[in-house]
Amino acid sequence: MPLPGCKLSYLVEPPTAFVKIVGRAAVEGARDFRALVERLHAGGMQRFCLDLSECLLMDSTFSGVLAGLATRLGDKGPGGCSRFVLVNPNDRVRDLLDSLGVLPLVTVIAGPHVPTGGQIEVTVGGSSKEQVAECCLEAHRLLMVLNPQNIPKFRELTQTLEGQLQAPPPP
């Protein structure tokens, strides 16, 4: 039985945005997640509380996007608190973030679920193949910079993506 795709929803209580990620936090939803966080940040949100209690798995692209956001926006928000707080990630997600070198950029807590009343659902998956490839390439390049142990893991993937993006479109 295939795993469900990524569902994103959010609730804003300034200066915090509560984002719930359900299903697979994978390449298909990574661009939408990045766009959501960037839009919320531009709207004044300084902290992002990610409810991962129903996130079954997270792939390296989504992890790289999260790391990129934490790096670009700064891993610390106002008052020195972590800008990204991950609530209730399962062991599989936590281990992946740790092995890729993303865990130091976020705070992980176990606790009550984030507020859900009035959450707005985000449409996921409207990206072209080229946009997904660009997002995937950027995420994996960052993971390779973040942790040199990721270089052998992602070298072939980044080379393949670079080749795809440089190739002329089919006639």
C-alpha atoms as a PDB file:
ATOM      1  CA  MET A   1       0.000   0.000   0.000  1.00  0.00           C
ATOM      2  CA  PRO A   2       1.540   3.348  -1.024  1.00  0.00           C
ATOM      3  CA  LEU A   3       2.173   6.007   1.577  1.00  0.00           C
ATOM      4  CA  PRO A   4      -0.059   9.084   1.464  1.00  0.00           C
ATOM      5  CA  GLY A   5       1.324  12.212  -0.162  1.00  0.00           C
ATOM      6  CA  CYS A   6       2.218  15.337   1.740  1.00  0.00           C
ATOM      7  CA  LYS A   7      -0.519  17.508   3.210  1.00  0.00           C
ATOM      8  CA  LEU A   8       0.376  20.948   4.527  1.00  0.00           C
ATOM      9  CA  SER A   9      -1.810  23.223   6.612  1.00  0.00           C
ATOM     10  CA  TYR A  10      -1.022  26.233   8.746  1.00  0.00           C
ATOM     11  CA  LEU A  11      -2.355  28.540  11.407  1.00  0.00           C
ATOM     12  CA  VAL A  12      -0.896  31.940  12.218  1.00  0.00           C
ATOM     13  CA  GLU A  13      -0.622  33.308  15.750  1.00  0.00           C
ATOM     14  CA  PRO A  14       1.944  36.109  15.367  1.00  0.00           C
ATOM     15  CA  PRO A  15       4.863  35.931  15.632  1.00  0.00           C
ATOM     16  CA  THR A  16       4.508  32.146  15.219  1.00  0.00           C
ATOM     17  CA  ALA A  17       3.213  30.119  12.303  1.00  0.00           C
ATOM     18  CA  PHE A  18       2.065  26.612  13.140  1.00  0.00           C
ATOM     19  CA  VAL A  19       2.540  24.270  10.171  1.00  0.00           C
ATOM     20  CA  LYS A  20       1.183  20.738  10.195  1.00  0.00           C
ATOM     21  CA  ILE A  21       2.821  18.212   7.880  1.00  0.00           C
ATOM     22  CA  VAL A  22       0.892  14.994   7.302  1.00  0.00           C
ATOM     23  CA  GLY A  23       2.014  11.965   5.292  1.00  0.00           C
ATOM     24  CA  ARG A  24       5.253  11.980   3.314  1.00  0.00           C
ATOM     25  CA  ALA A  25       7.343  15.139   3.561  1.00  0.00           C
ATOM     26  CA  ALA A  26       9.000  14.466   0.235  1.00  0.00           C
ATOM     27  CA  VAL A  27      10.268  16.070  -2.943  1.00  0.00           C
ATOM     28  CA  GLU A  28       6.730  16.568  -4.312  1.00  0.00           C
ATOM     29  CA  GLY A  29       5.815  18.957  -1.478  1.00  0.00           C
ATOM     30  CA  ALA A  30       9.207  20.544  -0.777  1.00  0.00           C
ATOM     31  CA  ARG A  31       8.750  23.576  -3.078  1.00  0.00           C
ATOM     32  CA  ASP A  32       5.294  24.238  -1.662  1.00  0.00           C
ATOM     33  CA  PHE A  33       6.655  24.030   1.891  1.00  0.00           C
ATOM     34  CA  ARG A  34       9.461  26.455   1.047  1.00  0.00           C
ATOM     35  CA  ALA A  35       7.050  28.880  -0.633  1.00  0.00           C
ATOM     36  CA  LEU A  36       4.699  28.727   2.374  1.00  0.00           C
ATOM     37  CA  VAL A  37       7.443  29.462   4.902  1.00  0.00           C
ATOM     38  CA  GLU A  38       8.891  32.265   2.767  1.00  0.00           C
ATOM     39  CA  ARG A  39       5.436  33.835   2.359  1.00  0.00           C
ATOM     40  CA  LEU A  40       4.703  33.589   6.082  1.00  0.00           C
ATOM     41  CA  HIS A  41       8.121  35.024   6.935  1.00  0.00           C
ATOM     42  CA  ALA A  42       7.557  37.927   4.525  1.00  0.00           C
ATOM     43  CA  GLY A  43       4.246  38.472   6.344  1.00  0.00           C
ATOM     44  CA  GLY A  44       6.053  38.907   9.651  1.00  0.00           C
ATOM     45  CA  MET A  45       6.206  35.399  11.093  1.00  0.00           C
ATOM     46  CA  GLN A  46       9.432  34.932  13.032  1.00  0.00           C
ATOM     47  CA  ARG A  47       9.032  31.396  14.329  1.00  0.00           C
ATOM     48  CA  PHE A  48       7.808  28.206  12.687  1.00  0.00           C
ATOM     49  CA  CYS A  49       6.410  25.389  14.774  1.00  0.00           C
ATOM     50  CA  LEU A  50       6.186  22.269  12.600  1.00  0.00           C
ATOM     51  CA  ASP A  51       3.818  19.569  13.846  1.00  0.00           C
ATOM     52  CA  LEU A  52       5.317  16.312  12.583  1.00  0.00           C
ATOM     53  CA  SER A  53       3.162  13.994  14.693  1.00  0.00           C
ATOM     54  CA  GLU A  54       1.500  12.631  11.514  1.00  0.00           C
ATOM     55  CA  CYS A  55       4.529  12.940   9.237  1.00  0.00           C
ATOM     56  CA  LEU A  56       5.370   9.359   8.301  1.00  0.00           C
ATOM     57  CA  LEU A  57       8.713  10.074   6.678  1.00  0.00           C
ATOM     58  CA  MET A  58      10.837  12.907   5.391  1.00  0.00           C
ATOM     59  CA  ASP A  59      13.127  12.567   2.409  1.00  0.00           C
ATOM     60  CA  SER A  60      16.458  14.262   1.800  1.00  0.00           C
ATOM     61  CA  THR A  61      14.985  16.922  -0.502  1.00  0.00           C
ATOM     62  CA  PHE A  62      12.458  18.082   2.090  1.00  0.00           C
ATOM     63  CA  SER A  63      15.184  17.934   4.759  1.00  0.00           C
ATOM     64  CA  GLY A  64      17.471  20.018   2.560  1.00  0.00           C
ATOM     65  CA  VAL A  65      14.730  22.596   1.994  1.00  0.00           C
ATOM     66  CA  LEU A  66      14.182  22.798   5.763  1.00  0.00           C
ATOM     67  CA  ALA A  67      17.936  23.234   6.290  1.00  0.00           C
ATOM     68  CA  GLY A  68      18.046  25.885   3.561  1.00  0.00           C
ATOM     69  CA  LEU A  69      15.238  27.851   5.199  1.00  0.00           C
ATOM     70  CA  ALA A  70      16.865  27.604   8.623  1.00  0.00           C
ATOM     71  CA  THR A  71      20.176  28.740   7.148  1.00  0.00           C
ATOM     72  CA  ARG A  72      18.754  31.566   5.034  1.00  0.00           C
ATOM     73  CA  LEU A  73      16.301  32.899   7.628  1.00  0.00           C
ATOM     74  CA  GLY A  74      18.702  32.280  10.491  1.00  0.00           C
ATOM     75  CA  ASP A  75      18.359  29.361  12.851  1.00  0.00           C
ATOM     76  CA  LYS A  76      17.614  31.726  15.754  1.00  0.00           C
ATOM     77  CA  GLY A  77      14.604  33.985  15.899  1.00  0.00           C
ATOM     78  CA  PRO A  78      13.847  36.863  18.273  1.00  0.00           C
ATOM     79  CA  GLY A  79      15.191  36.361  21.775  1.00  0.00           C
ATOM     80  CA  GLY A  80      17.625  33.676  20.650  1.00  0.00           C
ATOM     81  CA  CYS A  81      14.914  30.988  20.385  1.00  0.00           C
ATOM     82  CA  SER A  82      15.083  28.522  17.529  1.00  0.00           C
ATOM     83  CA  ARG A  83      13.253  29.771  14.480  1.00  0.00           C
ATOM     84  CA  PHE A  84      12.190  26.209  13.570  1.00  0.00           C
ATOM     85  CA  VAL A  85      10.710  23.935  16.226  1.00  0.00           C
ATOM     86  CA  LEU A  86       9.817  20.379  15.234  1.00  0.00           C
ATOM     87  CA  VAL A  87       7.083  18.861  17.386  1.00  0.00           C
ATOM     88  CA  ASN A  88       6.821  15.089  17.767  1.00  0.00           C
ATOM     89  CA  PRO A  89       8.882  13.824  14.829  1.00  0.00           C
ATOM     90  CA  ASN A  90       9.033  10.040  14.729  1.00  0.00           C
ATOM     91  CA  ASP A  91      12.384   8.289  15.211  1.00  0.00           C
ATOM     92  CA  ARG A  92      12.826   7.762  11.472  1.00  0.00           C
ATOM     93  CA  VAL A  93      12.481  11.485  10.689  1.00  0.00           C
ATOM     94  CA  ARG A  94      14.662  12.506  13.624  1.00  0.00           C
ATOM     95  CA  ASP A  95      17.392  10.018  12.645  1.00  0.00           C
ATOM     96  CA  LEU A  96      17.372  11.272   9.045  1.00  0.00           C
ATOM     97  CA  LEU A  97      17.709  14.907  10.141  1.00  0.00           C
ATOM     98  CA  ASP A  98      20.534  13.912  12.467  1.00  0.00           C
ATOM     99  CA  SER A  99      22.427  11.880   9.859  1.00  0.00           C
ATOM    100  CA  LEU A 100      22.166  14.667   7.272  1.00  0.00           C
ATOM    101  CA  GLY A 101      23.393  17.340   9.692  1.00  0.00           C
ATOM    102  CA  VAL A 102      20.101  19.262   9.835  1.00  0.00           C
ATOM    103  CA  LEU A 103      19.280  18.627  13.500  1.00  0.00           C
ATOM    104  CA  PRO A 104      21.582  21.381  14.888  1.00  0.00           C
ATOM    105  CA  LEU A 105      19.590  23.986  12.905  1.00  0.00           C
ATOM    106  CA  VAL A 106      16.265  23.194  14.617  1.00  0.00           C
ATOM    107  CA  THR A 107      14.834  22.426  18.032  1.00  0.00           C
ATOM    108  CA  VAL A 108      13.019  19.128  18.492  1.00  0.00           C
ATOM    109  CA  ILE A 109      10.405  18.744  21.208  1.00  0.00           C
ATOM    110  CA  ALA A 110       7.896  16.129  22.270  1.00  0.00           C
ATOM    111  CA  GLY A 111       4.711  17.616  23.488  1.00  0.00           C
ATOM    112  CA  PRO A 112       1.128  18.449  22.796  1.00  0.00           C
ATOM    113  CA  HIS A 113       0.072  18.914  19.227  1.00  0.00           C
ATOM    114  CA  VAL A 114       0.098  22.415  17.838  1.00  0.00           C
ATOM    115  CA  PRO A 115      -3.176  24.349  17.541  1.00  0.00           C
ATOM    116  CA  THR A 116      -5.373  23.030  14.756  1.00  0.00           C
ATOM    117  CA  GLY A 117      -8.551  25.094  14.887  1.00  0.00           C
ATOM    118  CA  GLY A 118      -8.919  27.201  11.756  1.00  0.00           C
ATOM    119  CA  GLN A 119      -5.928  25.817   9.902  1.00  0.00           C
ATOM    120  CA  ILE A 120      -5.663  26.675   6.224  1.00  0.00           C
ATOM    121  CA  GLU A 121      -4.790  23.816   3.888  1.00  0.00           C
ATOM    122  CA  VAL A 122      -2.106  24.389   1.265  1.00  0.00           C
ATOM    123  CA  THR A 123      -2.398  22.935  -2.234  1.00  0.00           C
ATOM    124  CA  VAL A 124       0.624  20.724  -2.821  1.00  0.00           C
ATOM    125  CA  GLY A 125       2.154  19.480  -6.039  1.00  0.00           C
ATOM    126  CA  GLY A 126       1.602  22.144  -8.677  1.00  0.00           C
ATOM    127  CA  SER A 127       5.258  22.311  -9.699  1.00  0.00           C
ATOM    128  CA  SER A 128       6.714  21.433 -13.088  1.00  0.00           C
ATOM    129  CA  LYS A 129       9.331  18.696 -13.421  1.00  0.00           C
ATOM    130  CA  GLU A 130      11.984  21.361 -13.979  1.00  0.00           C
ATOM    131  CA  GLN A 131      10.971  23.273 -10.837  1.00  0.00           C
ATOM    132  CA  VAL A 132      11.059  20.077  -8.792  1.00  0.00           C
ATOM    133  CA  ALA A 133      14.496  19.201 -10.204  1.00  0.00           C
ATOM    134  CA  GLU A 134      15.826  22.694  -9.375  1.00  0.00           C
ATOM    135  CA  CYS A 135      14.470  22.451  -5.827  1.00  0.00           C
ATOM    136  CA  CYS A 136      15.937  18.968  -5.407  1.00  0.00           C
ATOM    137  CA  LEU A 137      19.335  20.094  -6.715  1.00  0.00           C
ATOM    138  CA  GLU A 138      19.455  23.145  -4.443  1.00  0.00           C
ATOM    139  CA  ALA A 139      18.456  21.061  -1.400  1.00  0.00           C
ATOM    140  CA  HIS A 140      21.102  18.401  -2.012  1.00  0.00           C
ATOM    141  CA  ARG A 141      23.853  20.914  -2.739  1.00  0.00           C
ATOM    142  CA  LEU A 142      23.097  22.543   0.608  1.00  0.00           C
ATOM    143  CA  LEU A 143      23.140  19.196   2.408  1.00  0.00           C
ATOM    144  CA  MET A 144      26.573  18.510   0.884  1.00  0.00           C
ATOM    145  CA  VAL A 145      27.874  21.860   2.169  1.00  0.00           C
ATOM    146  CA  LEU A 146      26.222  21.388   5.553  1.00  0.00           C
ATOM    147  CA  ASN A 147      27.783  17.994   6.190  1.00  0.00           C
ATOM    148  CA  PRO A 148      30.751  16.730   4.118  1.00  0.00           C
ATOM    149  CA  GLN A 149      29.646  13.138   4.850  1.00  0.00           C
ATOM    150  CA  ASN A 150      26.693  13.851   2.544  1.00  0.00           C
ATOM    151  CA  ILE A 151      28.955  14.421  -0.480  1.00  0.00           C
ATOM    152  CA  PRO A 152      29.364  10.758  -1.461  1.00  0.00           C
ATOM    153  CA  LYS A 153      25.655  10.139  -0.752  1.00  0.00           C
ATOM    154  CA  PHE A 154      24.437  12.851  -3.110  1.00  0.00           C
ATOM    155  CA  ARG A 155      27.247  13.395  -5.660  1.00  0.00           C
ATOM    156  CA  GLU A 156      25.704  11.201  -8.351  1.00  0.00           C
ATOM    157  CA  LEU A 157      22.209  12.626  -7.792  1.00  0.00           C
ATOM    158  CA  THR A 158      23.399  16.232  -8.065  1.00  0.00           C
ATOM    159  CA  GLN A 159      25.374  15.434 -11.227  1.00  0.00           C
ATOM    160  CA  THR A 160      22.322  13.787 -12.779  1.00  0.00           C
ATOM    161  CA  LEU A 161      20.082  16.735 -11.879  1.00  0.00           C
ATOM    162  CA  GLU A 162      22.641  19.217 -13.219  1.00  0.00           C
ATOM    163  CA  GLY A 163      22.711  17.288 -16.489  1.00  0.00           C
ATOM    164  CA  GLN A 164      18.921  17.230 -16.730  1.00  0.00           C
ATOM    165  CA  LEU A 165      18.631  20.944 -16.089  1.00  0.00           C
ATOM    166  CA  GLN A 166      21.343  21.808 -18.632  1.00  0.00           C
ATOM    167  CA  ALA A 167      19.971  19.547 -21.360  1.00  0.00           C
ATOM    168  CA  PRO A 168      17.984  21.265 -24.105  1.00  0.00           C
ATOM    169  CA  PRO A 169      14.229  20.566 -24.002  1.00  0.00           C
ATOM    170  CA  PRO A 170      13.005  17.781 -26.302  1.00  0.00           C
ATOM    171  CA  PRO A 171      11.700  18.923 -29.714  1.00  0.00           C
END
